[in-house]
Amino acid sequence: MELDERKLKILQAIIQNYLETGEPVGSRTISKYTDLNLSSATIRNEMSDLEDMGYILQPHTSAGRIPSDKGYRLYVDTMMEDKVQEIADMKQELEIKADKIDTLLQNVAKLLAVNTNYATMVTKPLYKQKKVKFVQISEVDENQLLTVVVIEGNIIKNKIIDMESSLNKDIVLKLNIVLNTFLQGLDLTEINMKMIQEMKEQAGEYGGILGKILDVIAEAISEEDNMEIYTSGATNILKYPELSDTEKASKLLYTFEEKKQLTQLITDKEAEENNHGIQVYIGEETPVQAMKDCSVVTATYEIEEGVYGKIGIVGPKRMDYEKVVSTLQTLMVQLDEIFKKKT
């Protein structure tokens, strides 16, 4: 006999609650655990049917119910398929919203929070080697020069330089040639004083202007060193009793709101060097003081060679590690596919 949706949800709630607590599950717990809005009496009737069908057991007369082998088998064969579909649906939704990297990563954080019921954080990728792909300068008007810098990852930075006098088209062309001849393919750290001096010599009387342009380029590239973190689902972890204490809760929420301390979790050098590396921090292993009663699982994603970001999931120490790790591993592969389509 096939279970209807209501019985299936009640069975799922019994199994999940039993997995979390190890205690027999009663009807009052189920009424709080599901969104079915059923009375305890109705739930008891449904549980009695599930017991008659062999999906749950009553260990002794005064206790709640626990899953039977048959119940576990249905959970594995049917309900775990829903998790695979959830992840597939996640990829589809992410692809729809993948027009901008910022939007994509914000949605990764939101969707992971919904799918795991934990708190999540996602960093915008940091470029280990911020190589210059192209520089273009052009006059905005007689007193302003627009500098456009394209760096690895197709990140575009625009800066305005104030000028004392206008430049003719030939001079602008000459400066563009000098800049691109010397800078294309170089990281900021590779630009030394000797090179700058050679560039100024080639620019002749416009060496001073070229110096200003180089300062602006360095400023634009350095802006990418600022780590941006997207978070979601911070209040999810307050649903767990061991983390709902007022003092603990306020510290956790502040950490997610302030974000600065989160960088300690997502700048792990070992994980950065290991593409798609999964790192698990349990309790005291966590470098953030407010999360000493939590576990944190992070994964490294790669947009292109040398361009990394981090995804982190924060929950109680009794989190469902298998689900979290498998979800992150699957998501890493899916993000790879999305990024390949975008490049």
C-alpha atoms as a PDB file:
ATOM      1  CA  MET A   1       0.000   0.000   0.000  1.00  0.00           C
ATOM      2  CA  GLU A   2       1.396   3.388  -1.022  1.00  0.00           C
ATOM      3  CA  LEU A   3       1.554   6.080   1.646  1.00  0.00           C
ATOM      4  CA  ASP A   4      -0.388   9.287   1.131  1.00  0.00           C
ATOM      5  CA  GLU A   5       1.399  12.629   1.509  1.00  0.00           C
ATOM      6  CA  ARG A   6       0.249  13.131   5.101  1.00  0.00           C
ATOM      7  CA  LYS A   7       1.497   9.747   6.313  1.00  0.00           C
ATOM      8  CA  LEU A   8       4.732  10.256   4.392  1.00  0.00           C
ATOM      9  CA  LYS A   9       5.362  13.601   6.107  1.00  0.00           C
ATOM     10  CA  ILE A  10       4.614  12.122   9.526  1.00  0.00           C
ATOM     11  CA  LEU A  11       6.955   9.188   8.870  1.00  0.00           C
ATOM     12  CA  GLN A  12       9.660  11.577   7.672  1.00  0.00           C
ATOM     13  CA  ALA A  13       9.251  13.677  10.828  1.00  0.00           C
ATOM     14  CA  ILE A  14       9.477  10.582  13.060  1.00  0.00           C
ATOM     15  CA  ILE A  15      12.656   9.362  11.352  1.00  0.00           C
ATOM     16  CA  GLN A  16      14.377  12.759  11.272  1.00  0.00           C
ATOM     17  CA  ASN A  17      13.483  13.480  14.907  1.00  0.00           C
ATOM     18  CA  TYR A  18      14.637  10.037  16.007  1.00  0.00           C
ATOM     19  CA  LEU A  19      17.917  10.450  14.124  1.00  0.00           C
ATOM     20  CA  GLU A  20      18.507  13.761  15.892  1.00  0.00           C
ATOM     21  CA  THR A  21      17.537  12.736  19.436  1.00  0.00           C
ATOM     22  CA  GLY A  22      17.682   8.941  19.633  1.00  0.00           C
ATOM     23  CA  GLU A  23      14.432   9.067  21.622  1.00  0.00           C
ATOM     24  CA  PRO A  24      11.025   7.593  20.705  1.00  0.00           C
ATOM     25  CA  VAL A  25       8.842  10.238  19.075  1.00  0.00           C
ATOM     26  CA  GLY A  26       5.340  11.122  20.287  1.00  0.00           C
ATOM     27  CA  SER A  27       2.393  12.826  18.596  1.00  0.00           C
ATOM     28  CA  ARG A  28       2.992  16.176  20.338  1.00  0.00           C
ATOM     29  CA  THR A  29       6.526  16.294  18.960  1.00  0.00           C
ATOM     30  CA  ILE A  30       5.223  15.543  15.468  1.00  0.00           C
ATOM     31  CA  SER A  31       2.638  18.344  15.671  1.00  0.00           C
ATOM     32  CA  LYS A  32       5.478  20.801  16.374  1.00  0.00           C
ATOM     33  CA  TYR A  33       7.834  19.233  13.837  1.00  0.00           C
ATOM     34  CA  THR A  34       5.576  19.425  10.751  1.00  0.00           C
ATOM     35  CA  ASP A  35       3.487  22.053   8.977  1.00  0.00           C
ATOM     36  CA  LEU A  36       0.425  19.793   8.720  1.00  0.00           C
ATOM     37  CA  ASN A  37      -1.598  21.666  11.397  1.00  0.00           C
ATOM     38  CA  LEU A  38      -3.130  18.431  12.691  1.00  0.00           C
ATOM     39  CA  SER A  39      -4.390  17.697  16.182  1.00  0.00           C
ATOM     40  CA  SER A  40      -2.479  15.263  18.385  1.00  0.00           C
ATOM     41  CA  ALA A  41      -5.411  12.841  18.137  1.00  0.00           C
ATOM     42  CA  THR A  42      -5.295  12.831  14.330  1.00  0.00           C
ATOM     43  CA  ILE A  43      -1.531  12.331  14.370  1.00  0.00           C
ATOM     44  CA  ARG A  44      -1.926   9.418  16.808  1.00  0.00           C
ATOM     45  CA  ASN A  45      -4.386   7.780  14.404  1.00  0.00           C
ATOM     46  CA  GLU A  46      -1.965   8.217  11.496  1.00  0.00           C
ATOM     47  CA  MET A  47       0.889   6.830  13.598  1.00  0.00           C
ATOM     48  CA  SER A  48      -1.253   3.834  14.484  1.00  0.00           C
ATOM     49  CA  ASP A  49      -1.820   3.203  10.766  1.00  0.00           C
ATOM     50  CA  LEU A  50       1.922   3.500  10.089  1.00  0.00           C
ATOM     51  CA  GLU A  51       2.572   0.985  12.863  1.00  0.00           C
ATOM     52  CA  ASP A  52       0.004  -1.438  11.425  1.00  0.00           C
ATOM     53  CA  MET A  53       1.704  -1.075   8.029  1.00  0.00           C
ATOM     54  CA  GLY A  54       5.082  -1.929   9.574  1.00  0.00           C
ATOM     55  CA  TYR A  55       6.822   1.445   9.075  1.00  0.00           C
ATOM     56  CA  ILE A  56       7.217   2.299  12.783  1.00  0.00           C
ATOM     57  CA  LEU A  57       7.452   0.408  16.089  1.00  0.00           C
ATOM     58  CA  GLN A  58       6.360   1.096  19.650  1.00  0.00           C
ATOM     59  CA  PRO A  59       9.241  -0.069  21.892  1.00  0.00           C
ATOM     60  CA  HIS A  60       7.007  -0.190  25.004  1.00  0.00           C
ATOM     61  CA  THR A  61       3.465   0.808  25.857  1.00  0.00           C
ATOM     62  CA  SER A  62       4.074   4.277  27.280  1.00  0.00           C
ATOM     63  CA  ALA A  63       6.602   5.405  24.675  1.00  0.00           C
ATOM     64  CA  GLY A  64       6.371   7.123  21.325  1.00  0.00           C
ATOM     65  CA  ARG A  65       7.337   5.425  18.075  1.00  0.00           C
ATOM     66  CA  ILE A  66      10.643   4.631  16.412  1.00  0.00           C
ATOM     67  CA  PRO A  67      11.332   3.720  12.759  1.00  0.00           C
ATOM     68  CA  SER A  68      11.346   0.073  11.677  1.00  0.00           C
ATOM     69  CA  ASP A  69      13.704  -1.355   9.058  1.00  0.00           C
ATOM     70  CA  LYS A  70      10.861  -1.004   6.555  1.00  0.00           C
ATOM     71  CA  GLY A  71      10.446   2.647   7.532  1.00  0.00           C
ATOM     72  CA  TYR A  72      14.169   3.345   7.122  1.00  0.00           C
ATOM     73  CA  ARG A  73      14.131   1.648   3.713  1.00  0.00           C
ATOM     74  CA  LEU A  74      11.283   3.887   2.514  1.00  0.00           C
ATOM     75  CA  TYR A  75      13.141   6.924   3.865  1.00  0.00           C
ATOM     76  CA  VAL A  76      16.311   5.986   1.994  1.00  0.00           C
ATOM     77  CA  ASP A  77      14.599   4.932  -1.238  1.00  0.00           C
ATOM     78  CA  THR A  78      12.028   7.720  -1.440  1.00  0.00           C
ATOM     79  CA  MET A  79      12.817  10.680   0.769  1.00  0.00           C
ATOM     80  CA  MET A  80      16.532  10.834   0.031  1.00  0.00           C
ATOM     81  CA  GLU A  81      15.637  11.092  -3.659  1.00  0.00           C
ATOM     82  CA  ASP A  82      13.979  14.386  -2.760  1.00  0.00           C
ATOM     83  CA  LYS A  83      17.355  15.703  -1.566  1.00  0.00           C
ATOM     84  CA  VAL A  84      18.938  14.861  -4.923  1.00  0.00           C
ATOM     85  CA  GLN A  85      16.068  16.636  -6.652  1.00  0.00           C
ATOM     86  CA  GLU A  86      16.440  19.630  -4.312  1.00  0.00           C
ATOM     87  CA  ILE A  87      20.083  19.980  -5.370  1.00  0.00           C
ATOM     88  CA  ALA A  88      19.157  19.627  -9.049  1.00  0.00           C
ATOM     89  CA  ASP A  89      16.468  22.268  -8.555  1.00  0.00           C
ATOM     90  CA  MET A  90      19.080  24.455  -6.848  1.00  0.00           C
ATOM     91  CA  LYS A  91      21.322  24.291  -9.908  1.00  0.00           C
ATOM     92  CA  GLN A  92      18.422  25.163 -12.206  1.00  0.00           C
ATOM     93  CA  GLU A  93      17.480  28.166 -10.075  1.00  0.00           C
ATOM     94  CA  LEU A  94      21.100  29.319  -9.839  1.00  0.00           C
ATOM     95  CA  GLU A  95      21.532  29.108 -13.617  1.00  0.00           C
ATOM     96  CA  ILE A  96      18.471  31.299 -14.112  1.00  0.00           C
ATOM     97  CA  LYS A  97      20.002  33.938 -11.812  1.00  0.00           C
ATOM     98  CA  ALA A  98      23.611  33.574 -12.959  1.00  0.00           C
ATOM     99  CA  ASP A  99      23.721  36.805 -14.961  1.00  0.00           C
ATOM    100  CA  LYS A 100      25.999  38.475 -12.379  1.00  0.00           C
ATOM    101  CA  ILE A 101      28.492  36.846 -10.044  1.00  0.00           C
ATOM    102  CA  ASP A 102      27.199  38.858  -7.050  1.00  0.00           C
ATOM    103  CA  THR A 103      23.602  37.784  -7.673  1.00  0.00           C
ATOM    104  CA  LEU A 104      24.658  34.179  -8.191  1.00  0.00           C
ATOM    105  CA  LEU A 105      26.595  33.999  -4.918  1.00  0.00           C
ATOM    106  CA  GLN A 106      23.836  35.711  -2.927  1.00  0.00           C
ATOM    107  CA  ASN A 107      21.442  33.065  -4.198  1.00  0.00           C
ATOM    108  CA  VAL A 108      23.894  30.273  -3.334  1.00  0.00           C
ATOM    109  CA  ALA A 109      23.809  31.502   0.286  1.00  0.00           C
ATOM    110  CA  LYS A 110      19.999  31.730   0.352  1.00  0.00           C
ATOM    111  CA  LEU A 111      19.352  28.370  -1.299  1.00  0.00           C
ATOM    112  CA  LEU A 112      21.851  26.542   0.918  1.00  0.00           C
ATOM    113  CA  ALA A 113      20.235  28.039   4.033  1.00  0.00           C
ATOM    114  CA  VAL A 114      16.824  26.810   2.892  1.00  0.00           C
ATOM    115  CA  ASN A 115      18.078  23.343   1.893  1.00  0.00           C
ATOM    116  CA  THR A 116      20.167  22.664   5.004  1.00  0.00           C
ATOM    117  CA  ASN A 117      18.258  24.668   7.642  1.00  0.00           C
ATOM    118  CA  TYR A 118      21.597  26.016   8.891  1.00  0.00           C
ATOM    119  CA  ALA A 119      23.338  29.388   8.558  1.00  0.00           C
ATOM    120  CA  THR A 120      25.413  29.982   5.431  1.00  0.00           C
ATOM    121  CA  MET A 121      28.111  32.315   4.157  1.00  0.00           C
ATOM    122  CA  VAL A 122      29.647  32.758   0.732  1.00  0.00           C
ATOM    123  CA  THR A 123      32.649  34.889  -0.178  1.00  0.00           C
ATOM    124  CA  LYS A 124      33.117  36.740  -3.405  1.00  0.00           C
ATOM    125  CA  PRO A 125      36.174  35.230  -5.129  1.00  0.00           C
ATOM    126  CA  LEU A 126      39.595  36.682  -4.398  1.00  0.00           C
ATOM    127  CA  TYR A 127      42.085  36.901  -7.226  1.00  0.00           C
ATOM    128  CA  LYS A 128      45.431  35.562  -6.092  1.00  0.00           C
ATOM    129  CA  GLN A 129      47.139  36.978  -9.158  1.00  0.00           C
ATOM    130  CA  LYS A 130      45.434  40.180 -10.245  1.00  0.00           C
ATOM    131  CA  LYS A 131      46.890  40.308 -13.737  1.00  0.00           C
ATOM    132  CA  VAL A 132      46.147  43.209 -16.050  1.00  0.00           C
ATOM    133  CA  LYS A 133      44.347  42.112 -19.208  1.00  0.00           C
ATOM    134  CA  PHE A 134      43.829  45.519 -20.784  1.00  0.00           C
ATOM    135  CA  VAL A 135      44.050  49.247 -20.061  1.00  0.00           C
ATOM    136  CA  GLN A 136      42.149  51.948 -21.923  1.00  0.00           C
ATOM    137  CA  ILE A 137      42.351  55.689 -21.295  1.00  0.00           C
ATOM    138  CA  SER A 138      40.117  58.239 -22.980  1.00  0.00           C
ATOM    139  CA  GLU A 139      39.175  61.874 -22.500  1.00  0.00           C
ATOM    140  CA  VAL A 140      35.845  62.583 -20.829  1.00  0.00           C
ATOM    141  CA  ASP A 141      36.280  66.328 -21.318  1.00  0.00           C
ATOM    142  CA  GLU A 142      39.127  68.844 -21.330  1.00  0.00           C
ATOM    143  CA  ASN A 143      39.837  68.363 -17.630  1.00  0.00           C
ATOM    144  CA  GLN A 144      39.079  64.700 -17.031  1.00  0.00           C
ATOM    145  CA  LEU A 145      40.582  61.429 -18.199  1.00  0.00           C
ATOM    146  CA  LEU A 146      38.746  58.101 -17.863  1.00  0.00           C
ATOM    147  CA  THR A 147      40.926  55.096 -17.050  1.00  0.00           C
ATOM    148  CA  VAL A 148      39.425  51.644 -17.604  1.00  0.00           C
ATOM    149  CA  VAL A 149      41.332  48.649 -16.227  1.00  0.00           C
ATOM    150  CA  VAL A 150      40.320  45.072 -17.041  1.00  0.00           C
ATOM    151  CA  ILE A 151      41.906  42.508 -14.731  1.00  0.00           C
ATOM    152  CA  GLU A 152      41.803  38.710 -14.668  1.00  0.00           C
ATOM    153  CA  GLY A 153      38.295  37.366 -14.247  1.00  0.00           C
ATOM    154  CA  ASN A 154      36.984  40.114 -16.550  1.00  0.00           C
ATOM    155  CA  ILE A 155      36.672  42.515 -13.621  1.00  0.00           C
ATOM    156  CA  ILE A 156      36.375  46.052 -14.943  1.00  0.00           C
ATOM    157  CA  LYS A 157      37.425  49.074 -12.909  1.00  0.00           C
ATOM    158  CA  ASN A 158      36.757  52.664 -13.962  1.00  0.00           C
ATOM    159  CA  LYS A 159      38.552  55.668 -12.511  1.00  0.00           C
ATOM    160  CA  ILE A 160      38.446  59.378 -13.339  1.00  0.00           C
ATOM    161  CA  ILE A 161      41.656  61.429 -13.287  1.00  0.00           C
ATOM    162  CA  ASP A 162      41.486  65.217 -13.063  1.00  0.00           C
ATOM    163  CA  MET A 163      43.705  66.953 -15.622  1.00  0.00           C
ATOM    164  CA  GLU A 164      45.156  70.443 -15.750  1.00  0.00           C
ATOM    165  CA  SER A 165      44.944  70.544 -19.553  1.00  0.00           C
ATOM    166  CA  SER A 166      43.493  68.426 -22.350  1.00  0.00           C
ATOM    167  CA  LEU A 167      45.387  65.796 -24.363  1.00  0.00           C
ATOM    168  CA  ASN A 168      45.120  65.364 -28.119  1.00  0.00           C
ATOM    169  CA  LYS A 169      44.157  62.015 -29.644  1.00  0.00           C
ATOM    170  CA  ASP A 170      47.722  61.150 -30.658  1.00  0.00           C
ATOM    171  CA  ILE A 171      48.987  61.522 -27.077  1.00  0.00           C
ATOM    172  CA  VAL A 172      46.105  59.441 -25.695  1.00  0.00           C
ATOM    173  CA  LEU A 173      46.911  56.739 -28.264  1.00  0.00           C
ATOM    174  CA  LYS A 174      50.605  56.836 -27.363  1.00  0.00           C
ATOM    175  CA  LEU A 175      49.871  56.481 -23.631  1.00  0.00           C
ATOM    176  CA  ASN A 176      47.520  53.555 -24.314  1.00  0.00           C
ATOM    177  CA  ILE A 177      50.228  51.790 -26.323  1.00  0.00           C
ATOM    178  CA  VAL A 178      52.850  52.323 -23.597  1.00  0.00           C
ATOM    179  CA  LEU A 179      50.521  51.141 -20.825  1.00  0.00           C
ATOM    180  CA  ASN A 180      49.411  47.971 -22.600  1.00  0.00           C
ATOM    181  CA  THR A 181      52.879  47.117 -23.916  1.00  0.00           C
ATOM    182  CA  PHE A 182      54.293  47.076 -20.392  1.00  0.00           C
ATOM    183  CA  LEU A 183      51.339  45.998 -18.245  1.00  0.00           C
ATOM    184  CA  GLN A 184      49.412  43.343 -20.165  1.00  0.00           C
ATOM    185  CA  GLY A 185      49.678  39.973 -18.414  1.00  0.00           C
ATOM    186  CA  LEU A 186      51.447  41.374 -15.352  1.00  0.00           C
ATOM    187  CA  ASP A 187      50.395  41.129 -11.720  1.00  0.00           C
ATOM    188  CA  LEU A 188      50.568  44.310  -9.646  1.00  0.00           C
ATOM    189  CA  THR A 189      53.472  42.851  -7.635  1.00  0.00           C
ATOM    190  CA  GLU A 190      55.510  42.460 -10.836  1.00  0.00           C
ATOM    191  CA  ILE A 191      55.453  46.179 -11.627  1.00  0.00           C
ATOM    192  CA  ASN A 192      58.723  47.577 -10.267  1.00  0.00           C
ATOM    193  CA  MET A 193      60.354  51.014 -10.180  1.00  0.00           C
ATOM    194  CA  LYS A 194      62.648  50.221 -13.109  1.00  0.00           C
ATOM    195  CA  MET A 195      59.656  49.377 -15.287  1.00  0.00           C
ATOM    196  CA  ILE A 196      57.808  52.529 -14.213  1.00  0.00           C
ATOM    197  CA  GLN A 197      60.854  54.620 -15.087  1.00  0.00           C
ATOM    198  CA  GLU A 198      61.069  53.025 -18.555  1.00  0.00           C
ATOM    199  CA  MET A 199      57.382  53.719 -19.141  1.00  0.00           C
ATOM    200  CA  LYS A 200      57.769  57.356 -18.136  1.00  0.00           C
ATOM    201  CA  GLU A 201      60.752  57.722 -20.456  1.00  0.00           C
ATOM    202  CA  GLN A 202      58.703  56.395 -23.381  1.00  0.00           C
ATOM    203  CA  ALA A 203      55.877  58.786 -22.466  1.00  0.00           C
ATOM    204  CA  GLY A 204      58.336  61.683 -22.702  1.00  0.00           C
ATOM    205  CA  GLU A 205      56.919  64.995 -21.478  1.00  0.00           C
ATOM    206  CA  TYR A 206      53.726  63.178 -20.458  1.00  0.00           C
ATOM    207  CA  GLY A 207      55.548  60.979 -17.939  1.00  0.00           C
ATOM    208  CA  GLY A 208      53.909  62.836 -15.048  1.00  0.00           C
ATOM    209  CA  ILE A 209      50.433  62.064 -16.394  1.00  0.00           C
ATOM    210  CA  LEU A 210      51.415  58.431 -16.918  1.00  0.00           C
ATOM    211  CA  GLY A 211      52.533  58.313 -13.274  1.00  0.00           C
ATOM    212  CA  LYS A 212      49.058  59.458 -12.192  1.00  0.00           C
ATOM    213  CA  ILE A 213      47.474  56.799 -14.388  1.00  0.00           C
ATOM    214  CA  LEU A 214      49.677  54.091 -12.842  1.00  0.00           C
ATOM    215  CA  ASP A 215      48.660  55.214  -9.336  1.00  0.00           C
ATOM    216  CA  VAL A 216      44.996  54.934 -10.329  1.00  0.00           C
ATOM    217  CA  ILE A 217      45.556  51.461 -11.829  1.00  0.00           C
ATOM    218  CA  ALA A 218      47.258  50.274  -8.621  1.00  0.00           C
ATOM    219  CA  GLU A 219      44.371  51.674  -6.557  1.00  0.00           C
ATOM    220  CA  ALA A 220      41.768  49.969  -8.773  1.00  0.00           C
ATOM    221  CA  ILE A 221      43.469  46.573  -8.583  1.00  0.00           C
ATOM    222  CA  SER A 222      43.987  46.821  -4.811  1.00  0.00           C
ATOM    223  CA  GLU A 223      40.243  47.310  -4.307  1.00  0.00           C
ATOM    224  CA  GLU A 224      39.804  43.616  -5.149  1.00  0.00           C
ATOM    225  CA  ASP A 225      41.629  42.712  -1.920  1.00  0.00           C
ATOM    226  CA  ASN A 226      38.540  43.665   0.098  1.00  0.00           C
ATOM    227  CA  MET A 227      36.679  40.468   0.944  1.00  0.00           C
ATOM    228  CA  GLU A 228      32.923  40.560   0.458  1.00  0.00           C
ATOM    229  CA  ILE A 229      30.781  38.022   2.318  1.00  0.00           C
ATOM    230  CA  TYR A 230      27.158  37.124   1.658  1.00  0.00           C
ATOM    231  CA  THR A 231      25.258  35.471   4.526  1.00  0.00           C
ATOM    232  CA  SER A 232      21.841  33.889   4.937  1.00  0.00           C
ATOM    233  CA  GLY A 233      19.831  31.906   7.483  1.00  0.00           C
ATOM    234  CA  ALA A 234      21.604  33.162  10.618  1.00  0.00           C
ATOM    235  CA  THR A 235      18.414  32.692  12.649  1.00  0.00           C
ATOM    236  CA  ASN A 236      18.209  29.036  11.542  1.00  0.00           C
ATOM    237  CA  ILE A 237      20.804  27.974  14.096  1.00  0.00           C
ATOM    238  CA  LEU A 238      18.771  29.513  16.920  1.00  0.00           C
ATOM    239  CA  LYS A 239      16.193  26.754  16.388  1.00  0.00           C
ATOM    240  CA  TYR A 240      18.591  24.322  18.056  1.00  0.00           C
ATOM    241  CA  PRO A 241      18.228  24.390  21.881  1.00  0.00           C
ATOM    242  CA  GLU A 242      21.960  24.251  22.606  1.00  0.00           C
ATOM    243  CA  LEU A 243      22.452  27.470  20.604  1.00  0.00           C
ATOM    244  CA  SER A 244      19.316  29.362  21.668  1.00  0.00           C
ATOM    245  CA  ASP A 245      20.701  30.644  24.986  1.00  0.00           C
ATOM    246  CA  THR A 246      20.286  34.449  24.978  1.00  0.00           C
ATOM    247  CA  GLU A 247      23.984  35.242  25.360  1.00  0.00           C
ATOM    248  CA  LYS A 248      25.136  32.667  22.797  1.00  0.00           C
ATOM    249  CA  ALA A 249      22.411  33.676  20.355  1.00  0.00           C
ATOM    250  CA  SER A 250      23.235  37.383  20.498  1.00  0.00           C
ATOM    251  CA  LYS A 251      26.950  36.707  19.918  1.00  0.00           C
ATOM    252  CA  LEU A 252      26.207  34.430  16.961  1.00  0.00           C
ATOM    253  CA  LEU A 253      23.822  36.912  15.356  1.00  0.00           C
ATOM    254  CA  TYR A 254      26.306  39.756  15.866  1.00  0.00           C
ATOM    255  CA  THR A 255      29.057  37.688  14.231  1.00  0.00           C
ATOM    256  CA  PHE A 256      26.926  37.135  11.142  1.00  0.00           C
ATOM    257  CA  GLU A 257      25.819  40.758  11.013  1.00  0.00           C
ATOM    258  CA  GLU A 258      29.275  42.247  11.543  1.00  0.00           C
ATOM    259  CA  LYS A 259      30.950  39.648   9.236  1.00  0.00           C
ATOM    260  CA  LYS A 260      34.535  40.660  10.052  1.00  0.00           C
ATOM    261  CA  GLN A 261      35.171  37.611  12.266  1.00  0.00           C
ATOM    262  CA  LEU A 262      33.836  35.313   9.550  1.00  0.00           C
ATOM    263  CA  THR A 263      36.988  35.955   7.517  1.00  0.00           C
ATOM    264  CA  GLN A 264      38.880  33.793  10.044  1.00  0.00           C
ATOM    265  CA  LEU A 265      36.816  30.828   8.870  1.00  0.00           C
ATOM    266  CA  ILE A 266      37.165  31.424   5.173  1.00  0.00           C
ATOM    267  CA  THR A 267      40.831  32.284   4.712  1.00  0.00           C
ATOM    268  CA  ASP A 268      42.147  28.802   5.474  1.00  0.00           C
ATOM    269  CA  LYS A 269      45.323  28.459   3.412  1.00  0.00           C
ATOM    270  CA  GLU A 270      45.239  24.662   3.262  1.00  0.00           C
ATOM    271  CA  ALA A 271      41.736  24.654   1.760  1.00  0.00           C
ATOM    272  CA  GLU A 272      42.629  27.397  -0.708  1.00  0.00           C
ATOM    273  CA  GLU A 273      45.451  25.278  -2.070  1.00  0.00           C
ATOM    274  CA  ASN A 274      43.158  22.266  -2.364  1.00  0.00           C
ATOM    275  CA  ASN A 275      40.525  22.983  -4.997  1.00  0.00           C
ATOM    276  CA  HIS A 276      37.073  21.947  -3.797  1.00  0.00           C
ATOM    277  CA  GLY A 277      38.639  21.083  -0.424  1.00  0.00           C
ATOM    278  CA  ILE A 278      36.085  20.418   2.314  1.00  0.00           C
ATOM    279  CA  GLN A 279      37.129  21.625   5.769  1.00  0.00           C
ATOM    280  CA  VAL A 280      35.196  20.681   8.922  1.00  0.00           C
ATOM    281  CA  TYR A 281      35.667  22.638  12.157  1.00  0.00           C
ATOM    282  CA  ILE A 282      34.025  21.093  15.236  1.00  0.00           C
ATOM    283  CA  GLY A 283      33.482  23.116  18.411  1.00  0.00           C
ATOM    284  CA  GLU A 284      36.804  24.296  19.812  1.00  0.00           C
ATOM    285  CA  GLU A 285      38.472  23.824  16.413  1.00  0.00           C
ATOM    286  CA  THR A 286      36.485  26.809  15.158  1.00  0.00           C
ATOM    287  CA  PRO A 287      38.622  29.993  15.179  1.00  0.00           C
ATOM    288  CA  VAL A 288      35.626  32.261  15.897  1.00  0.00           C
ATOM    289  CA  GLN A 289      34.927  32.541  19.633  1.00  0.00           C
ATOM    290  CA  ALA A 290      31.148  32.923  19.216  1.00  0.00           C
ATOM    291  CA  MET A 291      31.035  29.614  17.321  1.00  0.00           C
ATOM    292  CA  LYS A 292      32.787  27.378  19.859  1.00  0.00           C
ATOM    293  CA  ASP A 293      29.520  25.481  20.372  1.00  0.00           C
ATOM    294  CA  CYS A 294      28.982  25.123  16.615  1.00  0.00           C
ATOM    295  CA  SER A 295      30.391  23.134  13.759  1.00  0.00           C
ATOM    296  CA  VAL A 296      31.407  24.792  10.513  1.00  0.00           C
ATOM    297  CA  VAL A 297      31.870  23.095   7.156  1.00  0.00           C
ATOM    298  CA  THR A 298      33.546  25.071   4.364  1.00  0.00           C
ATOM    299  CA  ALA A 299      34.233  24.304   0.721  1.00  0.00           C
ATOM    300  CA  THR A 300      36.408  26.061  -1.832  1.00  0.00           C
ATOM    301  CA  TYR A 301      35.045  26.883  -5.270  1.00  0.00           C
ATOM    302  CA  GLU A 302      37.084  28.020  -8.268  1.00  0.00           C
ATOM    303  CA  ILE A 303      35.871  30.371 -11.006  1.00  0.00           C
ATOM    304  CA  GLU A 304      39.026  30.000 -13.058  1.00  0.00           C
ATOM    305  CA  GLU A 305      42.646  29.101 -12.373  1.00  0.00           C
ATOM    306  CA  GLY A 306      43.870  31.000  -9.324  1.00  0.00           C
ATOM    307  CA  VAL A 307      40.462  32.567  -8.605  1.00  0.00           C
ATOM    308  CA  TYR A 308      38.946  31.114  -5.439  1.00  0.00           C
ATOM    309  CA  GLY A 309      36.041  31.724  -3.102  1.00  0.00           C
ATOM    310  CA  LYS A 310      34.603  29.956  -0.058  1.00  0.00           C
ATOM    311  CA  ILE A 311      31.200  28.627   0.935  1.00  0.00           C
ATOM    312  CA  GLY A 312      30.526  27.886   4.604  1.00  0.00           C
ATOM    313  CA  ILE A 313      27.695  26.238   6.536  1.00  0.00           C
ATOM    314  CA  VAL A 314      27.319  26.798  10.298  1.00  0.00           C
ATOM    315  CA  GLY A 315      25.171  24.631  12.563  1.00  0.00           C
ATOM    316  CA  PRO A 316      25.127  22.776  15.872  1.00  0.00           C
ATOM    317  CA  LYS A 317      27.793  20.190  16.627  1.00  0.00           C
ATOM    318  CA  ARG A 318      25.153  17.493  15.985  1.00  0.00           C
ATOM    319  CA  MET A 319      24.571  18.757  12.446  1.00  0.00           C
ATOM    320  CA  ASP A 320      23.879  16.286   9.660  1.00  0.00           C
ATOM    321  CA  TYR A 321      27.488  16.148   8.403  1.00  0.00           C
ATOM    322  CA  GLU A 322      26.784  13.629   5.666  1.00  0.00           C
ATOM    323  CA  LYS A 323      24.066  15.789   4.169  1.00  0.00           C
ATOM    324  CA  VAL A 324      26.074  19.013   4.472  1.00  0.00           C
ATOM    325  CA  VAL A 325      29.266  17.589   2.947  1.00  0.00           C
ATOM    326  CA  SER A 326      27.462  15.829   0.089  1.00  0.00           C
ATOM    327  CA  THR A 327      25.431  18.969  -0.650  1.00  0.00           C
ATOM    328  CA  LEU A 328      28.592  21.091  -0.792  1.00  0.00           C
ATOM    329  CA  GLN A 329      30.444  18.574  -2.967  1.00  0.00           C
ATOM    330  CA  THR A 330      27.540  18.448  -5.402  1.00  0.00           C
ATOM    331  CA  LEU A 331      27.221  22.231  -5.399  1.00  0.00           C
ATOM    332  CA  MET A 332      30.931  22.657  -6.186  1.00  0.00           C
ATOM    333  CA  VAL A 333      30.539  20.538  -9.331  1.00  0.00           C
ATOM    334  CA  GLN A 334      27.427  22.443 -10.361  1.00  0.00           C
ATOM    335  CA  LEU A 335      29.100  25.810  -9.837  1.00  0.00           C
ATOM    336  CA  ASP A 336      31.980  24.627 -12.024  1.00  0.00           C
ATOM    337  CA  GLU A 337      29.497  23.873 -14.800  1.00  0.00           C
ATOM    338  CA  ILE A 338      27.795  27.255 -14.399  1.00  0.00           C
ATOM    339  CA  PHE A 339      31.103  29.160 -14.437  1.00  0.00           C
ATOM    340  CA  LYS A 340      32.297  27.252 -17.516  1.00  0.00           C
ATOM    341  CA  LYS A 341      29.168  28.370 -19.354  1.00  0.00           C
ATOM    342  CA  LYS A 342      29.849  31.973 -18.357  1.00  0.00           C
ATOM    343  CA  THR A 343      33.461  31.979 -19.581  1.00  0.00           C
END
